[in-house]
Protein backbone atom coordinates (compact mmCIF):
# COMPACT_ATOMS: atom_id res chain seq x y z
CA UNK A 1 0.00 0.00 0.00
CA UNK A 2 1.22 3.51 -0.69
CA UNK A 3 0.83 6.75 1.27
CA UNK A 4 -1.68 8.22 -1.19
CA UNK A 5 -4.05 5.27 -0.51
CA UNK A 6 -4.49 6.07 3.19
CA UNK A 7 -7.84 7.47 4.25
CA UNK A 8 -8.03 10.54 6.50
CA UNK A 9 -7.33 9.51 10.09
CA UNK A 10 -5.43 6.34 9.20
CA UNK A 11 -1.96 5.81 10.60
CA UNK A 12 0.86 3.80 9.05
CA UNK A 13 4.57 3.13 9.20
CA UNK A 14 6.80 3.90 6.24
CA UNK A 15 8.40 0.71 4.88
CA UNK A 16 10.10 1.96 1.71
CA UNK A 17 10.52 4.91 -0.63
CA UNK A 18 10.49 3.85 -4.26
CA UNK A 19 12.98 5.23 -6.73
CA UNK A 20 16.14 7.27 -6.47
CA UNK A 21 17.44 10.70 -7.37
CA UNK A 22 16.54 14.19 -6.24
CA UNK A 23 12.85 13.54 -5.54
CA UNK A 24 13.59 10.67 -3.16
CA UNK A 25 16.31 12.70 -1.46
CA UNK A 26 13.82 15.56 -1.01
CA UNK A 27 11.20 13.25 0.51
CA UNK A 28 13.78 11.86 2.93
CA UNK A 29 14.93 15.36 3.87
CA UNK A 30 11.30 16.20 4.72
CA UNK A 31 11.25 13.36 7.27
CA UNK A 32 9.77 10.53 5.24
CA UNK A 33 12.17 7.81 6.38
CA UNK A 34 11.79 4.04 6.69
CA UNK A 35 10.34 3.23 10.10
CA UNK A 36 8.75 6.66 10.61
CA UNK A 37 5.10 6.83 11.62
CA UNK A 38 2.83 8.84 9.37
CA UNK A 39 -0.87 9.76 9.49
CA UNK A 40 -3.17 11.00 6.74
CA UNK A 41 -4.71 14.28 7.83
CA UNK A 42 -6.73 15.20 4.74
CA UNK A 43 -6.72 15.36 0.99
CA UNK A 44 -7.80 18.22 -1.25
CA UNK A 45 -10.83 17.96 -3.49
CA UNK A 46 -9.87 15.65 -6.30
CA UNK A 47 -7.25 13.99 -4.08
CA UNK A 48 -4.29 16.23 -4.88
CA UNK A 49 -2.42 17.35 -2.80
CA UNK A 50 -2.58 15.26 0.39
CA UNK A 51 -1.65 16.44 3.86
CA UNK A 52 0.09 14.04 6.22
CA UNK A 53 1.57 14.28 9.69
CA UNK A 54 5.11 13.03 10.10
CA UNK A 55 7.61 13.70 12.89
CA UNK A 56 5.16 16.06 14.61
CA UNK A 57 4.44 18.40 11.71
CA UNK A 58 2.00 18.64 8.80
CA UNK A 59 3.39 18.07 5.33
CA UNK A 60 1.62 18.57 2.00
CA UNK A 61 2.64 16.30 -0.85
CA UNK A 62 1.54 15.93 -4.42
CA UNK A 63 -0.27 12.67 -5.00
CA UNK A 64 2.51 11.49 -7.31
CA UNK A 65 5.06 12.03 -4.52
CA UNK A 66 2.89 10.21 -1.99
CA UNK A 67 2.63 7.24 -4.39
CA UNK A 68 6.37 6.64 -4.03
CA UNK A 69 6.09 6.06 -0.27
CA UNK A 70 5.14 2.50 0.67
CA UNK A 71 3.49 2.06 4.06
CA UNK A 72 2.16 -0.63 6.42
CA UNK A 73 -1.05 0.14 8.30
CA UNK A 74 -0.87 0.65 12.05
CA UNK A 75 1.34 2.83 14.23
PDB file of N, CA and C in Angstrom:
ATOM      1  N   UNK A   1       0.850  -1.176   0.000  1.00  0.00           N
ATOM      2  CA  UNK A   1       0.000   0.000   0.000  1.00  0.00           C
ATOM      3  C   UNK A   1       0.892   1.234   0.000  1.00  0.00           C
ATOM      4  N   UNK A   2       0.436   2.281  -0.629  1.00  0.00           N
ATOM      5  CA  UNK A   2       1.223   3.514  -0.686  1.00  0.00           C
ATOM      6  C   UNK A   2       0.541   4.622   0.117  1.00  0.00           C
ATOM      7  N   UNK A   3       1.296   5.642   0.431  1.00  0.00           N
ATOM      8  CA  UNK A   3       0.832   6.747   1.271  1.00  0.00           C
ATOM      9  C   UNK A   3      -0.418   7.418   0.706  1.00  0.00           C
ATOM     10  N   UNK A   4      -0.521   7.543  -0.605  1.00  0.00           N
ATOM     11  CA  UNK A   4      -1.680   8.218  -1.192  1.00  0.00           C
ATOM     12  C   UNK A   4      -2.972   7.407  -1.046  1.00  0.00           C
ATOM     13  N   UNK A   5      -2.873   6.127  -0.669  1.00  0.00           N
ATOM     14  CA  UNK A   5      -4.054   5.274  -0.511  1.00  0.00           C
ATOM     15  C   UNK A   5      -4.658   5.340   0.888  1.00  0.00           C
ATOM     16  N   UNK A   6      -3.948   5.954   1.834  1.00  0.00           N
ATOM     17  CA  UNK A   6      -4.487   6.071   3.193  1.00  0.00           C
ATOM     18  C   UNK A   6      -5.719   6.959   3.193  1.00  0.00           C
ATOM     19  N   UNK A   7      -6.658   6.633   4.074  1.00  0.00           N
ATOM     20  CA  UNK A   7      -7.845   7.469   4.253  1.00  0.00           C
ATOM     21  C   UNK A   7      -7.570   8.443   5.406  1.00  0.00           C
ATOM     22  N   UNK A   8      -8.229   9.600   5.401  1.00  0.00           N
ATOM     23  CA  UNK A   8      -8.029  10.544   6.497  1.00  0.00           C
ATOM     24  C   UNK A   8      -8.240   9.873   7.854  1.00  0.00           C
ATOM     25  N   UNK A   9      -7.287  10.100   8.766  1.00  0.00           N
ATOM     26  CA  UNK A   9      -7.334   9.514  10.092  1.00  0.00           C
ATOM     27  C   UNK A   9      -6.536   8.224  10.232  1.00  0.00           C
ATOM     28  N   UNK A  10      -6.207   7.573   9.123  1.00  0.00           N
ATOM     29  CA  UNK A  10      -5.435   6.339   9.203  1.00  0.00           C
ATOM     30  C   UNK A  10      -3.970   6.625   9.500  1.00  0.00           C
ATOM     31  N   UNK A  11      -3.366   5.707  10.264  1.00  0.00           N
ATOM     32  CA  UNK A  11      -1.957   5.807  10.601  1.00  0.00           C
ATOM     33  C   UNK A  11      -1.222   4.636   9.992  1.00  0.00           C
ATOM     34  N   UNK A  12       0.043   4.847   9.667  1.00  0.00           N
ATOM     35  CA  UNK A  12       0.855   3.803   9.047  1.00  0.00           C
ATOM     36  C   UNK A  12       2.317   4.032   9.389  1.00  0.00           C
ATOM     37  N   UNK A  13       3.131   3.051   9.048  1.00  0.00           N
ATOM     38  CA  UNK A  13       4.573   3.133   9.200  1.00  0.00           C
ATOM     39  C   UNK A  13       5.198   3.032   7.818  1.00  0.00           C
ATOM     40  N   UNK A  14       6.142   3.908   7.541  1.00  0.00           N
ATOM     41  CA  UNK A  14       6.800   3.904   6.238  1.00  0.00           C
ATOM     42  C   UNK A  14       7.713   2.683   6.152  1.00  0.00           C
ATOM     43  N   UNK A  15       7.573   1.907   5.071  1.00  0.00           N
ATOM     44  CA  UNK A  15       8.398   0.714   4.885  1.00  0.00           C
ATOM     45  C   UNK A  15       9.439   0.891   3.786  1.00  0.00           C
ATOM     46  N   UNK A  16       9.177   1.805   2.837  1.00  0.00           N
ATOM     47  CA  UNK A  16      10.101   1.959   1.707  1.00  0.00           C
ATOM     48  C   UNK A  16       9.746   3.206   0.915  1.00  0.00           C
ATOM     49  N   UNK A  17      10.748   3.823   0.315  1.00  0.00           N
ATOM     50  CA  UNK A  17      10.520   4.911  -0.631  1.00  0.00           C
ATOM     51  C   UNK A  17      11.041   4.437  -1.973  1.00  0.00           C
ATOM     52  N   UNK A  18      10.159   4.383  -2.945  1.00  0.00           N
ATOM     53  CA  UNK A  18      10.486   3.848  -4.257  1.00  0.00           C
ATOM     54  C   UNK A  18      11.239   4.866  -5.106  1.00  0.00           C
ATOM     55  N   UNK A  19      12.250   4.388  -5.802  1.00  0.00           N
ATOM     56  CA  UNK A  19      12.983   5.229  -6.731  1.00  0.00           C
ATOM     57  C   UNK A  19      14.296   5.723  -6.164  1.00  0.00           C
ATOM     58  N   UNK A  20      14.895   6.652  -6.905  1.00  0.00           N
ATOM     59  CA  UNK A  20      16.142   7.266  -6.468  1.00  0.00           C
ATOM     60  C   UNK A  20      16.218   8.660  -7.089  1.00  0.00           C
ATOM     61  N   UNK A  21      17.264   9.365  -6.799  1.00  0.00           N
ATOM     62  CA  UNK A  21      17.441  10.696  -7.369  1.00  0.00           C
ATOM     63  C   UNK A  21      16.943  11.799  -6.469  1.00  0.00           C
ATOM     64  N   UNK A  22      16.842  12.997  -7.030  1.00  0.00           N
ATOM     65  CA  UNK A  22      16.537  14.187  -6.242  1.00  0.00           C
ATOM     66  C   UNK A  22      15.178  14.148  -5.535  1.00  0.00           C
ATOM     67  N   UNK A  23      14.167  13.576  -6.164  1.00  0.00           N
ATOM     68  CA  UNK A  23      12.848  13.542  -5.538  1.00  0.00           C
ATOM     69  C   UNK A  23      12.877  12.692  -4.270  1.00  0.00           C
ATOM     70  N   UNK A  24      13.497  11.537  -4.334  1.00  0.00           N
ATOM     71  CA  UNK A  24      13.586  10.670  -3.162  1.00  0.00           C
ATOM     72  C   UNK A  24      14.416  11.332  -2.069  1.00  0.00           C
ATOM     73  N   UNK A  25      15.484  11.992  -2.441  1.00  0.00           N
ATOM     74  CA  UNK A  25      16.306  12.704  -1.458  1.00  0.00           C
ATOM     75  C   UNK A  25      15.493  13.810  -0.785  1.00  0.00           C
ATOM     76  N   UNK A  26      14.665  14.493  -1.552  1.00  0.00           N
ATOM     77  CA  UNK A  26      13.818  15.560  -1.007  1.00  0.00           C
ATOM     78  C   UNK A  26      12.808  14.978  -0.016  1.00  0.00           C
ATOM     79  N   UNK A  27      12.166  13.871  -0.379  1.00  0.00           N
ATOM     80  CA  UNK A  27      11.196  13.246   0.514  1.00  0.00           C
ATOM     81  C   UNK A  27      11.856  12.826   1.826  1.00  0.00           C
ATOM     82  N   UNK A  28      13.062  12.269   1.728  1.00  0.00           N
ATOM     83  CA  UNK A  28      13.777  11.856   2.929  1.00  0.00           C
ATOM     84  C   UNK A  28      14.172  13.061   3.781  1.00  0.00           C
ATOM     85  N   UNK A  29      14.558  14.151   3.142  1.00  0.00           N
ATOM     86  CA  UNK A  29      14.931  15.363   3.873  1.00  0.00           C
ATOM     87  C   UNK A  29      13.724  15.964   4.605  1.00  0.00           C
ATOM     88  N   UNK A  30      12.522  15.700   4.086  1.00  0.00           N
ATOM     89  CA  UNK A  30      11.300  16.200   4.721  1.00  0.00           C
ATOM     90  C   UNK A  30      10.849  15.317   5.886  1.00  0.00           C
ATOM     91  N   UNK A  31      11.569  14.217   6.138  1.00  0.00           N
ATOM     92  CA  UNK A  31      11.250  13.365   7.274  1.00  0.00           C
ATOM     93  C   UNK A  31      10.573  12.060   6.928  1.00  0.00           C
ATOM     94  N   UNK A  32      10.389  11.789   5.644  1.00  0.00           N
ATOM     95  CA  UNK A  32       9.771  10.533   5.235  1.00  0.00           C
ATOM     96  C   UNK A  32      10.859   9.470   5.143  1.00  0.00           C
ATOM     97  N   UNK A  33      11.101   8.808   6.270  1.00  0.00           N
ATOM     98  CA  UNK A  33      12.165   7.812   6.377  1.00  0.00           C
ATOM     99  C   UNK A  33      11.570   6.462   6.750  1.00  0.00           C
ATOM    100  N   UNK A  34      12.231   5.386   6.324  1.00  0.00           N
ATOM    101  CA  UNK A  34      11.794   4.043   6.694  1.00  0.00           C
ATOM    102  C   UNK A  34      11.679   3.947   8.207  1.00  0.00           C
ATOM    103  N   UNK A  35      10.563   3.381   8.677  1.00  0.00           N
ATOM    104  CA  UNK A  35      10.340   3.225  10.105  1.00  0.00           C
ATOM    105  C   UNK A  35       9.609   4.382  10.756  1.00  0.00           C
ATOM    106  N   UNK A  36       9.464   5.503  10.054  1.00  0.00           N
ATOM    107  CA  UNK A  36       8.753   6.660  10.610  1.00  0.00           C
ATOM    108  C   UNK A  36       7.251   6.426  10.561  1.00  0.00           C
ATOM    109  N   UNK A  37       6.560   6.891  11.602  1.00  0.00           N
ATOM    110  CA  UNK A  37       5.097   6.827  11.623  1.00  0.00           C
ATOM    111  C   UNK A  37       4.547   8.027  10.876  1.00  0.00           C
ATOM    112  N   UNK A  38       3.457   7.798  10.175  1.00  0.00           N
ATOM    113  CA  UNK A  38       2.830   8.845   9.373  1.00  0.00           C
ATOM    114  C   UNK A  38       1.318   8.684   9.478  1.00  0.00           C
ATOM    115  N   UNK A  39       0.592   9.794   9.433  1.00  0.00           N
ATOM    116  CA  UNK A  39      -0.866   9.758   9.491  1.00  0.00           C
ATOM    117  C   UNK A  39      -1.436  10.655   8.398  1.00  0.00           C
ATOM    118  N   UNK A  40      -2.486  10.189   7.743  1.00  0.00           N
ATOM    119  CA  UNK A  40      -3.168  10.999   6.736  1.00  0.00           C
ATOM    120  C   UNK A  40      -4.073  11.985   7.460  1.00  0.00           C
ATOM    121  N   UNK A  41      -3.875  13.253   7.214  1.00  0.00           N
ATOM    122  CA  UNK A  41      -4.712  14.281   7.826  1.00  0.00           C
ATOM    123  C   UNK A  41      -5.916  14.559   6.932  1.00  0.00           C
ATOM    124  N   UNK A  42      -5.639  14.917   5.699  1.00  0.00           N
ATOM    125  CA  UNK A  42      -6.730  15.198   4.742  1.00  0.00           C
ATOM    126  C   UNK A  42      -6.171  15.241   3.336  1.00  0.00           C
ATOM    127  N   UNK A  43      -7.091  15.212   2.398  1.00  0.00           N
ATOM    128  CA  UNK A  43      -6.718  15.364   0.994  1.00  0.00           C
ATOM    129  C   UNK A  43      -7.596  16.456   0.380  1.00  0.00           C
ATOM    130  N   UNK A  44      -7.056  17.142  -0.582  1.00  0.00           N
ATOM    131  CA  UNK A  44      -7.798  18.216  -1.246  1.00  0.00           C
ATOM    132  C   UNK A  44      -8.886  17.607  -2.130  1.00  0.00           C
ATOM    133  N   UNK A  45      -9.824  18.426  -2.543  1.00  0.00           N
ATOM    134  CA  UNK A  45     -10.831  17.961  -3.487  1.00  0.00           C
ATOM    135  C   UNK A  45     -10.126  17.414  -4.717  1.00  0.00           C
ATOM    136  N   UNK A  46     -10.529  16.278  -5.165  1.00  0.00           N
ATOM    137  CA  UNK A  46      -9.868  15.654  -6.302  1.00  0.00           C
ATOM    138  C   UNK A  46      -8.679  14.803  -5.876  1.00  0.00           C
ATOM    139  N   UNK A  47      -8.306  14.846  -4.594  1.00  0.00           N
ATOM    140  CA  UNK A  47      -7.255  13.993  -4.076  1.00  0.00           C
ATOM    141  C   UNK A  47      -5.836  14.505  -4.210  1.00  0.00           C
ATOM    142  N   UNK A  48      -5.652  15.722  -4.676  1.00  0.00           N
ATOM    143  CA  UNK A  48      -4.286  16.226  -4.884  1.00  0.00           C
ATOM    144  C   UNK A  48      -4.234  17.701  -4.498  1.00  0.00           C
ATOM    145  N   UNK A  49      -3.422  18.113  -3.548  1.00  0.00           N
ATOM    146  CA  UNK A  49      -2.425  17.347  -2.795  1.00  0.00           C
ATOM    147  C   UNK A  49      -3.039  16.652  -1.583  1.00  0.00           C
ATOM    148  N   UNK A  50      -2.186  15.896  -0.867  1.00  0.00           N
ATOM    149  CA  UNK A  50      -2.579  15.256   0.387  1.00  0.00           C
ATOM    150  C   UNK A  50      -1.774  15.902   1.505  1.00  0.00           C
ATOM    151  N   UNK A  51      -2.357  15.907   2.688  1.00  0.00           N
ATOM    152  CA  UNK A  51      -1.651  16.440   3.859  1.00  0.00           C
ATOM    153  C   UNK A  51      -1.465  15.313   4.861  1.00  0.00           C
ATOM    154  N   UNK A  52      -0.225  15.097   5.269  1.00  0.00           N
ATOM    155  CA  UNK A  52       0.091  14.037   6.218  1.00  0.00           C
ATOM    156  C   UNK A  52       0.819  14.632   7.418  1.00  0.00           C
ATOM    157  N   UNK A  53       0.795  13.878   8.514  1.00  0.00           N
ATOM    158  CA  UNK A  53       1.566  14.279   9.687  1.00  0.00           C
ATOM    159  C   UNK A  53       2.708  13.304   9.837  1.00  0.00           C
ATOM    160  N   UNK A  54       3.913  13.849   9.923  1.00  0.00           N
ATOM    161  CA  UNK A  54       5.106  13.029  10.105  1.00  0.00           C
ATOM    162  C   UNK A  54       6.065  13.790  11.005  1.00  0.00           C
ATOM    163  N   UNK A  55       6.637  13.107  11.968  1.00  0.00           N
ATOM    164  CA  UNK A  55       7.612  13.700  12.890  1.00  0.00           C
ATOM    165  C   UNK A  55       7.063  14.960  13.564  1.00  0.00           C
ATOM    166  N   UNK A  56       5.764  14.969  13.864  1.00  0.00           N
ATOM    167  CA  UNK A  56       5.163  16.057  14.609  1.00  0.00           C
ATOM    168  C   UNK A  56       4.771  17.285  13.809  1.00  0.00           C
ATOM    169  N   UNK A  57       4.865  17.241  12.494  1.00  0.00           N
ATOM    170  CA  UNK A  57       4.437  18.403  11.706  1.00  0.00           C
ATOM    171  C   UNK A  57       3.624  17.967  10.500  1.00  0.00           C
ATOM    172  N   UNK A  58       2.841  18.907   9.968  1.00  0.00           N
ATOM    173  CA  UNK A  58       1.998  18.636   8.801  1.00  0.00           C
ATOM    174  C   UNK A  58       2.804  18.897   7.535  1.00  0.00           C
ATOM    175  N   UNK A  59       2.648  18.001   6.582  1.00  0.00           N
ATOM    176  CA  UNK A  59       3.393  18.067   5.330  1.00  0.00           C
ATOM    177  C   UNK A  59       2.434  17.845   4.170  1.00  0.00           C
ATOM    178  N   UNK A  60       2.435  18.743   3.199  1.00  0.00           N
ATOM    179  CA  UNK A  60       1.619  18.573   2.004  1.00  0.00           C
ATOM    180  C   UNK A  60       2.470  17.995   0.888  1.00  0.00           C
ATOM    181  N   UNK A  61       1.935  16.970   0.246  1.00  0.00           N
ATOM    182  CA  UNK A  61       2.636  16.300  -0.849  1.00  0.00           C
ATOM    183  C   UNK A  61       1.719  16.177  -2.053  1.00  0.00           C
ATOM    184  N   UNK A  62       2.300  16.247  -3.222  1.00  0.00           N
ATOM    185  CA  UNK A  62       1.540  15.928  -4.415  1.00  0.00           C
ATOM    186  C   UNK A  62       1.232  14.435  -4.395  1.00  0.00           C
ATOM    187  N   UNK A  63       0.133  14.075  -4.990  1.00  0.00           N
ATOM    188  CA  UNK A  63      -0.270  12.669  -5.004  1.00  0.00           C
ATOM    189  C   UNK A  63       0.811  11.779  -5.615  1.00  0.00           C
ATOM    190  N   UNK A  64       1.442  12.259  -6.647  1.00  0.00           N
ATOM    191  CA  UNK A  64       2.511  11.492  -7.307  1.00  0.00           C
ATOM    192  C   UNK A  64       3.681  11.248  -6.350  1.00  0.00           C
ATOM    193  N   UNK A  65       3.992  12.209  -5.518  1.00  0.00           N
ATOM    194  CA  UNK A  65       5.057  12.028  -4.520  1.00  0.00           C
ATOM    195  C   UNK A  65       4.632  11.000  -3.472  1.00  0.00           C
ATOM    196  N   UNK A  66       3.387  11.121  -3.008  1.00  0.00           N
ATOM    197  CA  UNK A  66       2.886  10.205  -1.989  1.00  0.00           C
ATOM    198  C   UNK A  66       2.835   8.768  -2.498  1.00  0.00           C
ATOM    199  N   UNK A  67       2.663   8.581  -3.794  1.00  0.00           N
ATOM    200  CA  UNK A  67       2.634   7.245  -4.391  1.00  0.00           C
ATOM    201  C   UNK A  67       3.975   6.522  -4.301  1.00  0.00           C
ATOM    202  N   UNK A  68       5.042   7.250  -4.125  1.00  0.00           N
ATOM    203  CA  UNK A  68       6.374   6.643  -4.031  1.00  0.00           C
ATOM    204  C   UNK A  68       6.679   6.100  -2.640  1.00  0.00           C
ATOM    205  N   UNK A  69       5.845   6.446  -1.657  1.00  0.00           N
ATOM    206  CA  UNK A  69       6.088   6.056  -0.271  1.00  0.00           C
ATOM    207  C   UNK A  69       5.219   4.849   0.079  1.00  0.00           C
ATOM    208  N   UNK A  70       5.859   3.711   0.284  1.00  0.00           N
ATOM    209  CA  UNK A  70       5.137   2.496   0.671  1.00  0.00           C
ATOM    210  C   UNK A  70       4.988   2.467   2.179  1.00  0.00           C
ATOM    211  N   UNK A  71       3.791   2.061   2.636  1.00  0.00           N
ATOM    212  CA  UNK A  71       3.487   2.056   4.061  1.00  0.00           C
ATOM    213  C   UNK A  71       2.828   0.748   4.482  1.00  0.00           C
ATOM    214  N   UNK A  72       2.854   0.502   5.800  1.00  0.00           N
ATOM    215  CA  UNK A  72       2.162  -0.628   6.419  1.00  0.00           C
ATOM    216  C   UNK A  72       1.203  -0.025   7.434  1.00  0.00           C
ATOM    217  N   UNK A  73      -0.053  -0.410   7.389  1.00  0.00           N
ATOM    218  CA  UNK A  73      -1.052   0.144   8.304  1.00  0.00           C
ATOM    219  C   UNK A  73      -0.704  -0.141   9.752  1.00  0.00           C
ATOM    220  N   UNK A  74      -1.115   0.773  10.623  1.00  0.00           N
ATOM    221  CA  UNK A  74      -0.866   0.648  12.050  1.00  0.00           C
ATOM    222  C   UNK A  74       0.282   1.526  12.477  1.00  0.00           C
ATOM    223  N   UNK A  75       0.272   1.958  13.742  1.00  0.00           N
ATOM    224  CA  UNK A  75       1.338   2.829  14.230  1.00  0.00           C
ATOM    225  C   UNK A  75       2.672   2.140  14.383  1.00  0.00           C
TER     226      UNK A  75
END
